[in-house]
Amino acid sequence: MAKTSQLARYAKKAKLVKKYAAKRAALKAAGDWDGLQKLPRNSSPVRLKNRCAITGRSRGYIRTFGVSRMLFRELAREGKIPGVKKASW
């Protein structure tokens, strides 16, 4: 499990990205680069790092399912992810 401070920081960044998304899009369309510079740094979606929705782990993230590789394996083995089952041949 990730530190609670890291999870809080991620949530704060995600909130800022959502808040300024429309404004950023408008400034980009207008080509107002100076206006973009004045917005908070963390309002840029590039600064978000994908994290596991349950554990908060940042490495080994599987984008399709939104969880880390270890948690994905556990959930798939338990049959909690629809359409995914353990391969056997």
N, C-alpha and C. Protein backbone atom coordinates (compact mmCIF):
# COMPACT_ATOMS: atom_id res chain seq x y z
N MET A 1 0.85 -1.18 0.00
CA MET A 1 0.00 0.00 0.00
C MET A 1 0.89 1.24 0.00
N ALA A 2 0.54 2.19 -0.84
CA ALA A 2 1.31 3.43 -0.91
C ALA A 2 1.07 4.28 0.32
N LYS A 3 2.00 5.18 0.59
CA LYS A 3 1.84 6.07 1.73
C LYS A 3 0.60 6.93 1.53
N THR A 4 -0.06 7.25 2.60
CA THR A 4 -1.28 8.06 2.49
C THR A 4 -0.97 9.45 1.97
N SER A 5 0.25 9.95 2.23
CA SER A 5 0.62 11.28 1.72
C SER A 5 0.71 11.26 0.19
N GLN A 6 1.21 10.15 -0.37
CA GLN A 6 1.30 10.05 -1.83
C GLN A 6 -0.09 9.96 -2.45
N LEU A 7 -0.97 9.21 -1.80
CA LEU A 7 -2.34 9.09 -2.31
C LEU A 7 -3.06 10.43 -2.25
N ALA A 8 -2.82 11.19 -1.17
CA ALA A 8 -3.44 12.50 -1.03
C ALA A 8 -2.92 13.46 -2.09
N ARG A 9 -1.62 13.39 -2.36
CA ARG A 9 -1.01 14.25 -3.38
C ARG A 9 -1.58 13.93 -4.76
N TYR A 10 -1.75 12.63 -5.04
CA TYR A 10 -2.31 12.20 -6.32
C TYR A 10 -3.75 12.70 -6.47
N ALA A 11 -4.53 12.59 -5.40
CA ALA A 11 -5.93 13.04 -5.44
C ALA A 11 -6.00 14.55 -5.66
N LYS A 12 -5.10 15.28 -5.04
CA LYS A 12 -5.07 16.74 -5.19
C LYS A 12 -4.73 17.13 -6.63
N LYS A 13 -3.75 16.43 -7.23
CA LYS A 13 -3.38 16.70 -8.62
C LYS A 13 -4.53 16.38 -9.55
N ALA A 14 -5.19 15.24 -9.31
CA ALA A 14 -6.31 14.83 -10.17
C ALA A 14 -7.44 15.85 -10.11
N LYS A 15 -7.67 16.39 -8.92
CA LYS A 15 -8.71 17.41 -8.75
C LYS A 15 -8.36 18.68 -9.52
N LEU A 16 -7.10 19.10 -9.47
CA LEU A 16 -6.65 20.28 -10.20
C LEU A 16 -6.75 20.08 -11.72
N VAL A 17 -6.38 18.90 -12.18
CA VAL A 17 -6.46 18.61 -13.62
C VAL A 17 -7.90 18.72 -14.09
N LYS A 18 -8.81 18.16 -13.30
CA LYS A 18 -10.23 18.21 -13.66
C LYS A 18 -10.77 19.64 -13.64
N LYS A 19 -10.33 20.42 -12.66
CA LYS A 19 -10.82 21.79 -12.49
C LYS A 19 -10.41 22.68 -13.67
N TYR A 20 -9.16 22.52 -14.13
CA TYR A 20 -8.63 23.41 -15.17
C TYR A 20 -8.69 22.82 -16.58
N ALA A 21 -9.30 21.67 -16.77
CA ALA A 21 -9.30 21.00 -18.07
C ALA A 21 -9.92 21.88 -19.16
N ALA A 22 -11.08 22.45 -18.91
CA ALA A 22 -11.75 23.28 -19.92
C ALA A 22 -10.94 24.54 -20.22
N LYS A 23 -10.43 25.15 -19.18
CA LYS A 23 -9.65 26.38 -19.35
C LYS A 23 -8.37 26.11 -20.14
N ARG A 24 -7.70 24.99 -19.83
CA ARG A 24 -6.49 24.61 -20.56
C ARG A 24 -6.79 24.37 -22.03
N ALA A 25 -7.89 23.69 -22.30
CA ALA A 25 -8.27 23.40 -23.69
C ALA A 25 -8.54 24.69 -24.46
N ALA A 26 -9.23 25.63 -23.82
CA ALA A 26 -9.54 26.91 -24.47
C ALA A 26 -8.26 27.70 -24.75
N LEU A 27 -7.36 27.73 -23.79
CA LEU A 27 -6.10 28.47 -23.97
C LEU A 27 -5.23 27.82 -25.05
N LYS A 28 -5.23 26.51 -25.11
CA LYS A 28 -4.46 25.81 -26.15
C LYS A 28 -5.03 26.09 -27.52
N ALA A 29 -6.37 26.07 -27.63
CA ALA A 29 -7.02 26.33 -28.92
C ALA A 29 -6.74 27.75 -29.40
N ALA A 30 -6.67 28.69 -28.45
CA ALA A 30 -6.41 30.08 -28.80
C ALA A 30 -4.92 30.32 -29.04
N GLY A 31 -4.08 29.39 -28.63
CA GLY A 31 -2.64 29.56 -28.79
C GLY A 31 -2.04 30.52 -27.78
N ASP A 32 -2.72 30.69 -26.66
CA ASP A 32 -2.26 31.61 -25.61
C ASP A 32 -1.31 30.87 -24.66
N TRP A 33 -0.04 30.78 -25.06
CA TRP A 33 0.93 30.03 -24.28
C TRP A 33 1.29 30.75 -22.97
N ASP A 34 1.23 32.07 -22.98
CA ASP A 34 1.51 32.82 -21.75
C ASP A 34 0.42 32.56 -20.71
N GLY A 35 -0.82 32.47 -21.17
CA GLY A 35 -1.92 32.16 -20.25
C GLY A 35 -1.78 30.78 -19.65
N LEU A 36 -1.30 29.82 -20.47
CA LEU A 36 -1.07 28.46 -19.98
C LEU A 36 0.03 28.45 -18.91
N GLN A 37 1.04 29.27 -19.11
CA GLN A 37 2.15 29.33 -18.15
C GLN A 37 1.69 29.80 -16.77
N LYS A 38 0.64 30.62 -16.75
CA LYS A 38 0.17 31.19 -15.49
C LYS A 38 -0.70 30.23 -14.68
N LEU A 39 -1.16 29.16 -15.31
CA LEU A 39 -1.96 28.17 -14.60
C LEU A 39 -1.05 27.36 -13.66
N PRO A 40 -1.62 26.74 -12.64
CA PRO A 40 -0.80 25.91 -11.74
C PRO A 40 -0.14 24.76 -12.49
N ARG A 41 1.07 24.43 -12.10
CA ARG A 41 1.81 23.34 -12.76
C ARG A 41 1.07 22.02 -12.67
N ASN A 42 0.52 21.74 -11.52
CA ASN A 42 -0.14 20.45 -11.32
C ASN A 42 -1.49 20.35 -12.02
N SER A 43 -1.90 21.39 -12.74
CA SER A 43 -3.14 21.29 -13.49
C SER A 43 -2.91 20.65 -14.86
N SER A 44 -1.66 20.36 -15.18
CA SER A 44 -1.33 19.69 -16.43
C SER A 44 -1.55 18.18 -16.29
N PRO A 45 -2.30 17.57 -17.20
CA PRO A 45 -2.56 16.13 -17.08
C PRO A 45 -1.30 15.28 -17.23
N VAL A 46 -0.25 15.84 -17.81
CA VAL A 46 0.99 15.09 -17.99
C VAL A 46 1.65 14.79 -16.65
N ARG A 47 1.38 15.60 -15.65
CA ARG A 47 2.02 15.43 -14.35
C ARG A 47 1.36 14.34 -13.50
N LEU A 48 0.23 13.80 -13.95
CA LEU A 48 -0.41 12.69 -13.24
C LEU A 48 0.30 11.39 -13.56
N LYS A 49 0.56 10.60 -12.56
CA LYS A 49 1.14 9.27 -12.77
C LYS A 49 0.07 8.26 -12.40
N ASN A 50 -0.16 7.32 -13.29
CA ASN A 50 -1.19 6.32 -13.03
C ASN A 50 -0.89 5.53 -11.76
N ARG A 51 -1.91 5.33 -10.94
CA ARG A 51 -1.77 4.57 -9.71
C ARG A 51 -2.89 3.55 -9.61
N CYS A 52 -2.60 2.46 -8.95
CA CYS A 52 -3.58 1.41 -8.70
C CYS A 52 -4.75 2.01 -7.92
N ALA A 53 -5.96 1.68 -8.32
CA ALA A 53 -7.15 2.24 -7.69
C ALA A 53 -7.33 1.73 -6.25
N ILE A 54 -6.80 0.55 -5.95
CA ILE A 54 -7.02 -0.04 -4.64
C ILE A 54 -5.83 0.16 -3.70
N THR A 55 -4.62 -0.16 -4.18
CA THR A 55 -3.45 -0.08 -3.32
C THR A 55 -2.68 1.22 -3.45
N GLY A 56 -2.81 1.91 -4.56
CA GLY A 56 -2.07 3.15 -4.78
C GLY A 56 -0.69 2.92 -5.36
N ARG A 57 -0.35 1.68 -5.69
CA ARG A 57 0.96 1.37 -6.25
C ARG A 57 1.11 2.02 -7.62
N SER A 58 2.29 2.61 -7.88
CA SER A 58 2.49 3.33 -9.14
C SER A 58 3.18 2.47 -10.20
N ARG A 59 3.92 1.48 -9.77
CA ARG A 59 4.61 0.64 -10.75
C ARG A 59 3.78 -0.59 -11.09
N GLY A 60 3.98 -1.10 -12.29
CA GLY A 60 3.27 -2.31 -12.70
C GLY A 60 1.78 -2.07 -12.88
N TYR A 61 1.42 -0.87 -13.35
CA TYR A 61 0.02 -0.48 -13.50
C TYR A 61 -0.52 -1.03 -14.82
N ILE A 62 -1.66 -1.69 -14.77
CA ILE A 62 -2.31 -2.20 -15.98
C ILE A 62 -3.47 -1.26 -16.30
N ARG A 63 -3.29 -0.48 -17.36
CA ARG A 63 -4.21 0.60 -17.71
C ARG A 63 -5.64 0.11 -17.96
N THR A 64 -5.76 -1.01 -18.65
CA THR A 64 -7.09 -1.53 -19.01
C THR A 64 -7.97 -1.78 -17.79
N PHE A 65 -7.35 -2.25 -16.71
CA PHE A 65 -8.11 -2.62 -15.52
C PHE A 65 -7.96 -1.62 -14.38
N GLY A 66 -6.97 -0.75 -14.45
CA GLY A 66 -6.80 0.29 -13.44
C GLY A 66 -6.22 -0.20 -12.12
N VAL A 67 -5.54 -1.35 -12.16
CA VAL A 67 -4.93 -1.89 -10.95
C VAL A 67 -3.49 -2.31 -11.24
N SER A 68 -2.74 -2.59 -10.18
CA SER A 68 -1.36 -3.03 -10.34
C SER A 68 -1.33 -4.49 -10.76
N ARG A 69 -0.18 -4.93 -11.23
CA ARG A 69 -0.04 -6.30 -11.76
C ARG A 69 -0.29 -7.36 -10.69
N MET A 70 0.15 -7.08 -9.47
CA MET A 70 -0.02 -8.07 -8.40
C MET A 70 -1.48 -8.20 -8.00
N LEU A 71 -2.15 -7.07 -7.89
CA LEU A 71 -3.56 -7.10 -7.53
C LEU A 71 -4.39 -7.69 -8.67
N PHE A 72 -3.99 -7.40 -9.90
CA PHE A 72 -4.68 -7.97 -11.06
C PHE A 72 -4.63 -9.49 -11.02
N ARG A 73 -3.45 -10.02 -10.70
CA ARG A 73 -3.29 -11.48 -10.65
C ARG A 73 -4.18 -12.09 -9.57
N GLU A 74 -4.22 -11.46 -8.41
CA GLU A 74 -5.07 -11.97 -7.33
C GLU A 74 -6.55 -11.93 -7.71
N LEU A 75 -6.99 -10.79 -8.24
CA LEU A 75 -8.40 -10.64 -8.60
C LEU A 75 -8.79 -11.58 -9.73
N ALA A 76 -7.89 -11.76 -10.70
CA ALA A 76 -8.18 -12.67 -11.82
C ALA A 76 -8.27 -14.11 -11.32
N ARG A 77 -7.39 -14.48 -10.41
CA ARG A 77 -7.39 -15.85 -9.88
C ARG A 77 -8.66 -16.13 -9.10
N GLU A 78 -9.16 -15.11 -8.40
CA GLU A 78 -10.39 -15.27 -7.62
C GLU A 78 -11.65 -15.13 -8.47
N GLY A 79 -11.47 -14.77 -9.74
CA GLY A 79 -12.61 -14.64 -10.65
C GLY A 79 -13.40 -13.36 -10.45
N LYS A 80 -12.77 -12.33 -9.91
CA LYS A 80 -13.47 -11.08 -9.63
C LYS A 80 -13.38 -10.08 -10.78
N ILE A 81 -12.61 -10.41 -11.82
CA ILE A 81 -12.54 -9.54 -13.00
C ILE A 81 -13.28 -10.26 -14.12
N PRO A 82 -14.38 -9.68 -14.59
CA PRO A 82 -15.18 -10.36 -15.62
C PRO A 82 -14.41 -10.54 -16.92
N GLY A 83 -14.52 -11.72 -17.51
CA GLY A 83 -13.88 -12.00 -18.79
C GLY A 83 -12.43 -12.40 -18.72
N VAL A 84 -11.86 -12.45 -17.53
CA VAL A 84 -10.45 -12.82 -17.38
C VAL A 84 -10.38 -14.12 -16.59
N LYS A 85 -9.63 -15.09 -17.13
CA LYS A 85 -9.42 -16.32 -16.39
C LYS A 85 -7.99 -16.79 -16.62
N LYS A 86 -7.53 -17.64 -15.75
CA LYS A 86 -6.16 -18.13 -15.82
C LYS A 86 -6.01 -19.03 -17.04
N ALA A 87 -4.95 -18.76 -17.78
CA ALA A 87 -4.70 -19.55 -18.98
C ALA A 87 -4.14 -20.92 -18.59
N SER A 88 -4.55 -21.94 -19.31
CA SER A 88 -3.97 -23.28 -19.11
C SER A 88 -3.99 -24.00 -20.43
N TRP A 89 -2.89 -24.66 -20.72
CA TRP A 89 -2.82 -25.40 -21.97
C TRP A 89 -1.97 -26.63 -21.78
